[in-house]
């Protein structure tokens, strides 16, 4: 049951990240974005992924519970994409004289 609740939490977060990446892409600015927030979330997903690898009971049943790790990695990739959009948008802000 704990794994199901964890997947629900991760999937709920996961639905918001692609929308956020698209919004960042279209906005072409870093206005309203926080690099510190993105980095905290990014490192949080690293910790979540690492926690699965050091959890012996999870690793013993990974063939049955692979989906939990899959969603962590998927969200990690989405946050990484949003970080890339932040870097791109920061560059665009500098080119346009926005500080």
PDB file of N, CA and C in Angstrom:
ATOM      1  N   UNK A   1       0.823  -1.202   0.000  1.00  0.00           N
ATOM      2  CA  UNK A   1       0.000   0.000   0.000  1.00  0.00           C
ATOM      3  C   UNK A   1       0.865   1.265   0.000  1.00  0.00           C
ATOM      4  N   UNK A   2       1.987   1.227   0.728  1.00  0.00           N
ATOM      5  CA  UNK A   2       2.866   2.394   0.789  1.00  0.00           C
ATOM      6  C   UNK A   2       3.411   2.730  -0.590  1.00  0.00           C
ATOM      7  N   UNK A   3       3.753   1.691  -1.367  1.00  0.00           N
ATOM      8  CA  UNK A   3       4.281   1.937  -2.711  1.00  0.00           C
ATOM      9  C   UNK A   3       3.223   2.577  -3.612  1.00  0.00           C
ATOM     10  N   UNK A   4       1.975   2.147  -3.476  1.00  0.00           N
ATOM     11  CA  UNK A   4       0.880   2.713  -4.289  1.00  0.00           C
ATOM     12  C   UNK A   4       0.692   4.183  -3.955  1.00  0.00           C
ATOM     13  N   UNK A   5       0.698   4.519  -2.681  1.00  0.00           N
ATOM     14  CA  UNK A   5       0.560   5.921  -2.275  1.00  0.00           C
ATOM     15  C   UNK A   5       1.742   6.751  -2.771  1.00  0.00           C
ATOM     16  N   UNK A   6       2.926   6.161  -2.725  1.00  0.00           N
ATOM     17  CA  UNK A   6       4.115   6.861  -3.214  1.00  0.00           C
ATOM     18  C   UNK A   6       4.002   7.113  -4.720  1.00  0.00           C
ATOM     19  N   UNK A   7       3.528   6.125  -5.459  1.00  0.00           N
ATOM     20  CA  UNK A   7       3.353   6.290  -6.901  1.00  0.00           C
ATOM     21  C   UNK A   7       2.306   7.363  -7.195  1.00  0.00           C
ATOM     22  N   UNK A   8       1.231   7.389  -6.438  1.00  0.00           N
ATOM     23  CA  UNK A   8       0.204   8.426  -6.632  1.00  0.00           C
ATOM     24  C   UNK A   8       0.814   9.806  -6.429  1.00  0.00           C
ATOM     25  N   UNK A   9       1.624   9.957  -5.398  1.00  0.00           N
ATOM     26  CA  UNK A   9       2.290  11.239  -5.142  1.00  0.00           C
ATOM     27  C   UNK A   9       3.217  11.605  -6.296  1.00  0.00           C
ATOM     28  N   UNK A  10       4.028  10.661  -6.730  1.00  0.00           N
ATOM     29  CA  UNK A  10       4.993  10.920  -7.803  1.00  0.00           C
ATOM     30  C   UNK A  10       4.277  11.210  -9.122  1.00  0.00           C
ATOM     31  N   UNK A  11       3.220  10.464  -9.427  1.00  0.00           N
ATOM     32  CA  UNK A  11       2.471  10.694 -10.666  1.00  0.00           C
ATOM     33  C   UNK A  11       1.789  12.053 -10.623  1.00  0.00           C
ATOM     34  N   UNK A  12       1.260  12.431  -9.476  1.00  0.00           N
ATOM     35  CA  UNK A  12       0.631  13.747  -9.344  1.00  0.00           C
ATOM     36  C   UNK A  12       1.633  14.856  -9.627  1.00  0.00           C
ATOM     37  N   UNK A  13       2.824  14.744  -9.067  1.00  0.00           N
ATOM     38  CA  UNK A  13       3.876  15.715  -9.372  1.00  0.00           C
ATOM     39  C   UNK A  13       4.246  15.636 -10.851  1.00  0.00           C
ATOM     40  N   UNK A  14       4.304  14.417 -11.349  1.00  0.00           N
ATOM     41  CA  UNK A  14       4.722  14.184 -12.726  1.00  0.00           C
ATOM     42  C   UNK A  14       3.829  14.828 -13.766  1.00  0.00           C
ATOM     43  N   UNK A  15       2.550  14.951 -13.491  1.00  0.00           N
ATOM     44  CA  UNK A  15       1.652  15.591 -14.445  1.00  0.00           C
ATOM     45  C   UNK A  15       1.922  17.084 -14.567  1.00  0.00           C
ATOM     46  N   UNK A  16       2.416  17.688 -13.498  1.00  0.00           N
ATOM     47  CA  UNK A  16       2.638  19.138 -13.536  1.00  0.00           C
ATOM     48  C   UNK A  16       3.926  19.525 -14.247  1.00  0.00           C
ATOM     49  N   UNK A  17       4.945  18.668 -14.226  1.00  0.00           N
ATOM     50  CA  UNK A  17       6.237  19.051 -14.794  1.00  0.00           C
ATOM     51  C   UNK A  17       6.217  19.265 -16.300  1.00  0.00           C
ATOM     52  N   UNK A  18       5.602  18.386 -17.091  1.00  0.00           N
ATOM     53  CA  UNK A  18       5.580  18.663 -18.536  1.00  0.00           C
ATOM     54  C   UNK A  18       4.868  19.982 -18.859  1.00  0.00           C
ATOM     55  N   UNK A  19       3.803  20.273 -18.125  1.00  0.00           N
ATOM     56  CA  UNK A  19       3.097  21.542 -18.333  1.00  0.00           C
ATOM     57  C   UNK A  19       3.993  22.725 -17.985  1.00  0.00           C
ATOM     58  N   UNK A  20       4.772  22.574 -16.933  1.00  0.00           N
ATOM     59  CA  UNK A  20       5.691  23.626 -16.516  1.00  0.00           C
ATOM     60  C   UNK A  20       6.806  23.832 -17.537  1.00  0.00           C
ATOM     61  N   UNK A  21       7.313  22.739 -18.108  1.00  0.00           N
ATOM     62  CA  UNK A  21       8.358  22.836 -19.131  1.00  0.00           C
ATOM     63  C   UNK A  21       7.810  23.555 -20.361  1.00  0.00           C
ATOM     64  N   UNK A  22       6.601  23.214 -20.770  1.00  0.00           N
ATOM     65  CA  UNK A  22       5.979  23.868 -21.928  1.00  0.00           C
ATOM     66  C   UNK A  22       5.777  25.353 -21.651  1.00  0.00           C
ATOM     67  N   UNK A  23       5.317  25.672 -20.451  1.00  0.00           N
ATOM     68  CA  UNK A  23       5.120  27.073 -20.077  1.00  0.00           C
ATOM     69  C   UNK A  23       6.447  27.836 -20.109  1.00  0.00           C
ATOM     70  N   UNK A  24       7.502  27.218 -19.597  1.00  0.00           N
ATOM     71  CA  UNK A  24       8.827  27.844 -19.613  1.00  0.00           C
ATOM     72  C   UNK A  24       9.307  28.061 -21.044  1.00  0.00           C
ATOM     73  N   UNK A  25       9.071  27.081 -21.902  1.00  0.00           N
ATOM     74  CA  UNK A  25       9.486  27.179 -23.295  1.00  0.00           C
ATOM     75  C   UNK A  25       8.781  28.342 -23.988  1.00  0.00           C
ATOM     76  N   UNK A  26       7.481  28.449 -23.776  1.00  0.00           N
ATOM     77  CA  UNK A  26       6.694  29.501 -24.423  1.00  0.00           C
ATOM     78  C   UNK A  26       6.971  30.882 -23.833  1.00  0.00           C
ATOM     79  N   UNK A  27       7.239  30.952 -22.530  1.00  0.00           N
ATOM     80  CA  UNK A  27       7.426  32.241 -21.851  1.00  0.00           C
ATOM     81  C   UNK A  27       8.688  32.954 -22.326  1.00  0.00           C
ATOM     82  N   UNK A  28       9.744  32.198 -22.600  1.00  0.00           N
ATOM     83  CA  UNK A  28      11.026  32.753 -23.057  1.00  0.00           C
ATOM     84  C   UNK A  28      11.602  33.783 -22.076  1.00  0.00           C
ATOM     85  N   UNK A  29      11.312  33.616 -20.796  1.00  0.00           N
ATOM     86  CA  UNK A  29      11.855  34.474 -19.747  1.00  0.00           C
ATOM     87  C   UNK A  29      11.925  33.678 -18.446  1.00  0.00           C
ATOM     88  N   UNK A  30      12.790  34.143 -17.541  1.00  0.00           N
ATOM     89  CA  UNK A  30      12.878  33.506 -16.226  1.00  0.00           C
ATOM     90  C   UNK A  30      11.984  34.202 -15.208  1.00  0.00           C
ATOM     91  N   UNK A  31      11.278  35.242 -15.648  1.00  0.00           N
ATOM     92  CA  UNK A  31      10.378  35.943 -14.721  1.00  0.00           C
ATOM     93  C   UNK A  31       9.404  34.954 -14.092  1.00  0.00           C
ATOM     94  N   UNK A  32       9.302  35.037 -12.784  1.00  0.00           N
ATOM     95  CA  UNK A  32       8.390  34.160 -12.064  1.00  0.00           C
ATOM     96  C   UNK A  32       8.950  32.779 -11.763  1.00  0.00           C
ATOM     97  N   UNK A  33      10.195  32.511 -12.146  1.00  0.00           N
ATOM     98  CA  UNK A  33      10.820  31.220 -11.879  1.00  0.00           C
ATOM     99  C   UNK A  33      11.877  31.383 -10.796  1.00  0.00           C
ATOM    100  N   UNK A  34      12.072  30.343 -10.029  1.00  0.00           N
ATOM    101  CA  UNK A  34      13.086  30.353  -8.982  1.00  0.00           C
ATOM    102  C   UNK A  34      14.082  29.232  -9.248  1.00  0.00           C
ATOM    103  N   UNK A  35      15.314  29.615  -9.527  1.00  0.00           N
ATOM    104  CA  UNK A  35      16.365  28.628  -9.740  1.00  0.00           C
ATOM    105  C   UNK A  35      16.586  27.803  -8.473  1.00  0.00           C
ATOM    106  N   UNK A  36      16.555  28.444  -7.324  1.00  0.00           N
ATOM    107  CA  UNK A  36      16.753  27.728  -6.055  1.00  0.00           C
ATOM    108  C   UNK A  36      15.681  26.652  -5.874  1.00  0.00           C
ATOM    109  N   UNK A  37      14.436  26.977  -6.183  1.00  0.00           N
ATOM    110  CA  UNK A  37      13.341  26.010  -6.073  1.00  0.00           C
ATOM    111  C   UNK A  37      13.570  24.828  -7.006  1.00  0.00           C
ATOM    112  N   UNK A  38      13.906  25.109  -8.261  1.00  0.00           N
ATOM    113  CA  UNK A  38      14.147  24.035  -9.224  1.00  0.00           C
ATOM    114  C   UNK A  38      15.291  23.136  -8.775  1.00  0.00           C
ATOM    115  N   UNK A  39      16.361  23.736  -8.270  1.00  0.00           N
ATOM    116  CA  UNK A  39      17.506  22.943  -7.816  1.00  0.00           C
ATOM    117  C   UNK A  39      17.157  22.088  -6.608  1.00  0.00           C
ATOM    118  N   UNK A  40      16.362  22.632  -5.691  1.00  0.00           N
ATOM    119  CA  UNK A  40      15.934  21.845  -4.530  1.00  0.00           C
ATOM    120  C   UNK A  40      15.095  20.643  -4.953  1.00  0.00           C
ATOM    121  N   UNK A  41      14.183  20.848  -5.880  1.00  0.00           N
ATOM    122  CA  UNK A  41      13.361  19.749  -6.377  1.00  0.00           C
ATOM    123  C   UNK A  41      14.242  18.730  -7.106  1.00  0.00           C
ATOM    124  N   UNK A  42      15.156  19.220  -7.929  1.00  0.00           N
ATOM    125  CA  UNK A  42      16.064  18.353  -8.680  1.00  0.00           C
ATOM    126  C   UNK A  42      16.863  17.462  -7.730  1.00  0.00           C
ATOM    127  N   UNK A  43      17.454  18.060  -6.715  1.00  0.00           N
ATOM    128  CA  UNK A  43      18.245  17.282  -5.758  1.00  0.00           C
ATOM    129  C   UNK A  43      17.353  16.392  -4.880  1.00  0.00           C
ATOM    130  N   UNK A  44      16.119  16.814  -4.665  1.00  0.00           N
ATOM    131  CA  UNK A  44      15.162  15.962  -3.951  1.00  0.00           C
ATOM    132  C   UNK A  44      14.890  14.676  -4.710  1.00  0.00           C
ATOM    133  N   UNK A  45      14.746  14.784  -6.029  1.00  0.00           N
ATOM    134  CA  UNK A  45      14.540  13.583  -6.836  1.00  0.00           C
ATOM    135  C   UNK A  45      15.792  12.712  -6.860  1.00  0.00           C
ATOM    136  N   UNK A  46      16.961  13.330  -6.855  1.00  0.00           N
ATOM    137  CA  UNK A  46      18.200  12.538  -6.752  1.00  0.00           C
ATOM    138  C   UNK A  46      18.186  11.739  -5.455  1.00  0.00           C
ATOM    139  N   UNK A  47      17.795  12.383  -4.358  1.00  0.00           N
ATOM    140  CA  UNK A  47      17.737  11.690  -3.069  1.00  0.00           C
ATOM    141  C   UNK A  47      16.691  10.575  -3.097  1.00  0.00           C
ATOM    142  N   UNK A  48      15.547  10.835  -3.724  1.00  0.00           N
ATOM    143  CA  UNK A  48      14.506   9.810  -3.823  1.00  0.00           C
ATOM    144  C   UNK A  48      14.973   8.602  -4.624  1.00  0.00           C
ATOM    145  N   UNK A  49      15.652   8.860  -5.727  1.00  0.00           N
ATOM    146  CA  UNK A  49      16.180   7.769  -6.548  1.00  0.00           C
ATOM    147  C   UNK A  49      17.254   7.002  -5.777  1.00  0.00           C
ATOM    148  N   UNK A  50      18.150   7.723  -5.127  1.00  0.00           N
ATOM    149  CA  UNK A  50      19.200   7.070  -4.339  1.00  0.00           C
ATOM    150  C   UNK A  50      18.603   6.233  -3.212  1.00  0.00           C
ATOM    151  N   UNK A  51      17.523   6.733  -2.607  1.00  0.00           N
ATOM    152  CA  UNK A  51      16.903   5.988  -1.506  1.00  0.00           C
ATOM    153  C   UNK A  51      16.396   4.631  -1.963  1.00  0.00           C
ATOM    154  N   UNK A  52      15.951   4.548  -3.209  1.00  0.00           N
ATOM    155  CA  UNK A  52      15.485   3.259  -3.735  1.00  0.00           C
ATOM    156  C   UNK A  52      16.652   2.294  -3.901  1.00  0.00           C
ATOM    157  N   UNK A  53      17.789   2.819  -4.354  1.00  0.00           N
ATOM    158  CA  UNK A  53      18.948   1.946  -4.573  1.00  0.00           C
ATOM    159  C   UNK A  53      19.578   1.443  -3.283  1.00  0.00           C
ATOM    160  N   UNK A  54      19.457   2.205  -2.202  1.00  0.00           N
ATOM    161  CA  UNK A  54      20.046   1.754  -0.933  1.00  0.00           C
ATOM    162  C   UNK A  54      19.050   0.990  -0.065  1.00  0.00           C
ATOM    163  N   UNK A  55      17.796   0.923  -0.484  1.00  0.00           N
ATOM    164  CA  UNK A  55      16.772   0.183   0.246  1.00  0.00           C
ATOM    165  C   UNK A  55      16.823  -1.278  -0.187  1.00  0.00           C
ATOM    166  N   UNK A  56      17.354  -2.125   0.694  1.00  0.00           N
ATOM    167  CA  UNK A  56      17.551  -3.535   0.348  1.00  0.00           C
ATOM    168  C   UNK A  56      16.248  -4.250   0.031  1.00  0.00           C
ATOM    169  N   UNK A  57      15.178  -3.969   0.778  1.00  0.00           N
ATOM    170  CA  UNK A  57      13.910  -4.655   0.509  1.00  0.00           C
ATOM    171  C   UNK A  57      13.320  -4.215  -0.825  1.00  0.00           C
ATOM    172  N   UNK A  58      13.507  -2.943  -1.175  1.00  0.00           N
ATOM    173  CA  UNK A  58      13.029  -2.488  -2.487  1.00  0.00           C
ATOM    174  C   UNK A  58      13.830  -3.155  -3.596  1.00  0.00           C
ATOM    175  N   UNK A  59      15.137  -3.165  -3.472  1.00  0.00           N
ATOM    176  CA  UNK A  59      15.983  -3.754  -4.505  1.00  0.00           C
ATOM    177  C   UNK A  59      15.722  -5.256  -4.655  1.00  0.00           C
ATOM    178  N   UNK A  60      15.367  -5.912  -3.555  1.00  0.00           N
ATOM    179  CA  UNK A  60      15.067  -7.344  -3.620  1.00  0.00           C
ATOM    180  C   UNK A  60      13.799  -7.609  -4.420  1.00  0.00           C
ATOM    181  N   UNK A  61      12.911  -6.610  -4.487  1.00  0.00           N
ATOM    182  CA  UNK A  61      11.645  -6.797  -5.216  1.00  0.00           C
ATOM    183  C   UNK A  61      11.513  -5.832  -6.392  1.00  0.00           C
ATOM    184  N   UNK A  62      12.639  -5.348  -6.914  1.00  0.00           N
ATOM    185  CA  UNK A  62      12.597  -4.343  -7.985  1.00  0.00           C
ATOM    186  C   UNK A  62      11.899  -4.867  -9.240  1.00  0.00           C
ATOM    187  N   UNK A  63      11.968  -6.162  -9.484  1.00  0.00           N
ATOM    188  CA  UNK A  63      11.296  -6.700 -10.675  1.00  0.00           C
ATOM    189  C   UNK A  63       9.784  -6.553 -10.570  1.00  0.00           C
ATOM    190  N   UNK A  64       9.270  -6.456  -9.361  1.00  0.00           N
ATOM    191  CA  UNK A  64       7.835  -6.273  -9.144  1.00  0.00           C
ATOM    192  C   UNK A  64       7.468  -4.808  -8.926  1.00  0.00           C
ATOM    193  N   UNK A  65       8.414  -4.007  -8.442  1.00  0.00           N
ATOM    194  CA  UNK A  65       8.112  -2.617  -8.066  1.00  0.00           C
ATOM    195  C   UNK A  65       8.938  -1.606  -8.860  1.00  0.00           C
ATOM    196  N   UNK A  66       9.353  -1.966 -10.054  1.00  0.00           N
ATOM    197  CA  UNK A  66      10.168  -1.101 -10.899  1.00  0.00           C
ATOM    198  C   UNK A  66       9.484   0.226 -11.208  1.00  0.00           C
ATOM    199  N   UNK A  67       8.154   0.211 -11.247  1.00  0.00           N
ATOM    200  CA  UNK A  67       7.380   1.395 -11.643  1.00  0.00           C
ATOM    201  C   UNK A  67       7.603   2.578 -10.700  1.00  0.00           C
ATOM    202  N   UNK A  68       7.880   2.319  -9.437  1.00  0.00           N
ATOM    203  CA  UNK A  68       8.121   3.418  -8.494  1.00  0.00           C
ATOM    204  C   UNK A  68       9.382   4.173  -8.908  1.00  0.00           C
ATOM    205  N   UNK A  69      10.451   3.452  -9.154  1.00  0.00           N
ATOM    206  CA  UNK A  69      11.706   4.065  -9.589  1.00  0.00           C
ATOM    207  C   UNK A  69      11.539   4.737 -10.952  1.00  0.00           C
ATOM    208  N   UNK A  70      10.768   4.117 -11.834  1.00  0.00           N
ATOM    209  CA  UNK A  70      10.513   4.683 -13.157  1.00  0.00           C
ATOM    210  C   UNK A  70       9.934   6.091 -13.048  1.00  0.00           C
ATOM    211  N   UNK A  71       8.955   6.275 -12.185  1.00  0.00           N
ATOM    212  CA  UNK A  71       8.322   7.585 -12.053  1.00  0.00           C
ATOM    213  C   UNK A  71       9.245   8.611 -11.401  1.00  0.00           C
ATOM    214  N   UNK A  72      10.082   8.171 -10.482  1.00  0.00           N
ATOM    215  CA  UNK A  72      11.089   9.082  -9.920  1.00  0.00           C
ATOM    216  C   UNK A  72      12.019   9.579 -11.031  1.00  0.00           C
ATOM    217  N   UNK A  73      12.498   8.659 -11.851  1.00  0.00           N
ATOM    218  CA  UNK A  73      13.422   9.019 -12.928  1.00  0.00           C
ATOM    219  C   UNK A  73      12.723   9.911 -13.957  1.00  0.00           C
ATOM    220  N   UNK A  74      11.493   9.600 -14.298  1.00  0.00           N
ATOM    221  CA  UNK A  74      10.746  10.419 -15.246  1.00  0.00           C
ATOM    222  C   UNK A  74      10.592  11.855 -14.735  1.00  0.00           C
ATOM    223  N   UNK A  75      10.231  12.007 -13.481  1.00  0.00           N
ATOM    224  CA  UNK A  75      10.110  13.347 -12.903  1.00  0.00           C
ATOM    225  C   UNK A  75      11.456  14.056 -12.856  1.00  0.00           C
ATOM    226  N   UNK A  76      12.503  13.326 -12.544  1.00  0.00           N
ATOM    227  CA  UNK A  76      13.855  13.881 -12.524  1.00  0.00           C
ATOM    228  C   UNK A  76      14.211  14.443 -13.902  1.00  0.00           C
ATOM    229  N   UNK A  77      13.878  13.707 -14.946  1.00  0.00           N
ATOM    230  CA  UNK A  77      14.135  14.161 -16.314  1.00  0.00           C
ATOM    231  C   UNK A  77      13.333  15.422 -16.620  1.00  0.00           C
ATOM    232  N   UNK A  78      12.077  15.468 -16.195  1.00  0.00           N
ATOM    233  CA  UNK A  78      11.231  16.639 -16.448  1.00  0.00           C
ATOM    234  C   UNK A  78      11.767  17.877 -15.726  1.00  0.00           C
ATOM    235  N   UNK A  79      12.208  17.707 -14.493  1.00  0.00           N
ATOM    236  CA  UNK A  79      12.776  18.838 -13.762  1.00  0.00           C
ATOM    237  C   UNK A  79      14.081  19.269 -14.435  1.00  0.00           C
ATOM    238  N   UNK A  80      14.859  18.308 -14.902  1.00  0.00           N
ATOM    239  CA  UNK A  80      16.074  18.626 -15.651  1.00  0.00           C
ATOM    240  C   UNK A  80      15.764  19.421 -16.913  1.00  0.00           C
ATOM    241  N   UNK A  81      14.697  19.052 -17.608  1.00  0.00           N
ATOM    242  CA  UNK A  81      14.284  19.790 -18.805  1.00  0.00           C
ATOM    243  C   UNK A  81      13.876  21.215 -18.437  1.00  0.00           C
ATOM    244  N   UNK A  82      13.208  21.369 -17.302  1.00  0.00           N
ATOM    245  CA  UNK A  82      12.815  22.711 -16.864  1.00  0.00           C
ATOM    246  C   UNK A  82      14.049  23.535 -16.487  1.00  0.00           C
ATOM    247  N   UNK A  83      15.053  22.894 -15.912  1.00  0.00           N
ATOM    248  CA  UNK A  83      16.314  23.597 -15.626  1.00  0.00           C
ATOM    249  C   UNK A  83      16.991  24.053 -16.916  1.00  0.00           C
ATOM    250  N   UNK A  84      16.952  23.215 -17.935  1.00  0.00           N
ATOM    251  CA  UNK A  84      17.517  23.601 -19.231  1.00  0.00           C
ATOM    252  C   UNK A  84      16.748  24.794 -19.801  1.00  0.00           C
ATOM    253  N   UNK A  85      15.421  24.777 -19.669  1.00  0.00           N
ATOM    254  CA  UNK A  85      14.615  25.907 -20.127  1.00  0.00           C
ATOM    255  C   UNK A  85      14.961  27.167 -19.337  1.00  0.00           C
ATOM    256  N   UNK A  86      15.236  27.012 -18.049  1.00  0.00           N
ATOM    257  CA  UNK A  86      15.618  28.163 -17.229  1.00  0.00           C
ATOM    258  C   UNK A  86      16.918  28.770 -17.754  1.00  0.00           C
ATOM    259  N   UNK A  87      17.897  27.922 -18.047  1.00  0.00           N
ATOM    260  CA  UNK A  87      19.187  28.406 -18.564  1.00  0.00           C
ATOM    261  C   UNK A  87      18.988  29.102 -19.905  1.00  0.00           C
ATOM    262  N   UNK A  88      18.199  28.487 -20.773  1.00  0.00           N
ATOM    263  CA  UNK A  88      17.921  29.109 -22.069  1.00  0.00           C
ATOM    264  C   UNK A  88      17.234  30.456 -21.895  1.00  0.00           C
ATOM    265  N   UNK A  89      16.236  30.490 -21.031  1.00  0.00           N
ATOM    266  CA  UNK A  89      15.474  31.723 -20.827  1.00  0.00           C
ATOM    267  C   UNK A  89      16.310  32.802 -20.161  1.00  0.00           C
ATOM    268  N   UNK A  90      17.218  32.407 -19.290  1.00  0.00           N
ATOM    269  CA  UNK A  90      18.125  33.382 -18.660  1.00  0.00           C
ATOM    270  C   UNK A  90      19.007  34.035 -19.721  1.00  0.00           C
ATOM    271  N   UNK A  91      19.486  33.219 -20.646  1.00  0.00           N
ATOM    272  CA  UNK A  91      20.292  33.736 -21.749  1.00  0.00           C
ATOM    273  C   UNK A  91      19.455  34.705 -22.598  1.00  0.00           C
ATOM    274  N   UNK A  92      18.219  34.330 -22.878  1.00  0.00           N
ATOM    275  CA  UNK A  92      17.327  35.208 -23.653  1.00  0.00           C
ATOM    276  C   UNK A  92      17.050  36.511 -22.908  1.00  0.00           C
ATOM    277  N   UNK A  93      16.876  36.418 -21.584  1.00  0.00           N
ATOM    278  CA  UNK A  93      16.667  37.616 -20.777  1.00  0.00           C
ATOM    279  C   UNK A  93      17.862  38.563 -20.895  1.00  0.00           C
ATOM    280  N   UNK A  94      19.079  38.004 -20.827  1.00  0.00           N
ATOM    281  CA  UNK A  94      20.279  38.833 -20.932  1.00  0.00           C
ATOM    282  C   UNK A  94      20.383  39.478 -22.317  1.00  0.00           C
ATOM    283  N   UNK A  95      20.054  38.714 -23.350  1.00  0.00           N
ATOM    284  CA  UNK A  95      20.088  39.250 -24.715  1.00  0.00           C
ATOM    285  C   UNK A  95      19.075  40.382 -24.897  1.00  0.00           C
ATOM    286  N   UNK A  96      17.955  40.280 -24.196  1.00  0.00           N
ATOM    287  CA  UNK A  96      16.898  41.293 -24.309  1.00  0.00           C
ATOM    288  C   UNK A  96      17.030  42.407 -23.274  1.00  0.00           C
ATOM    289  N   UNK A  97      18.087  42.379 -22.478  1.00  0.00           N
ATOM    290  CA  UNK A  97      18.320  43.412 -21.494  1.00  0.00           C
ATOM    291  C   UNK A  97      17.407  43.332 -20.287  1.00  0.00           C
ATOM    292  N   UNK A  98      16.821  42.184 -20.038  1.00  0.00           N
ATOM    293  CA  UNK A  98      15.976  41.985 -18.856  1.00  0.00           C
ATOM    294  C   UNK A  98      16.859  41.448 -17.743  1.00  0.00           C
ATOM    295  N   UNK A  99      16.728  42.052 -16.547  1.00  0.00           N
ATOM    296  CA  UNK A  99      17.584  41.585 -15.456  1.00  0.00           C
ATOM    297  C   UNK A  99      16.851  40.790 -14.442  1.00  0.00           C
TER     298      UNK A  99
END
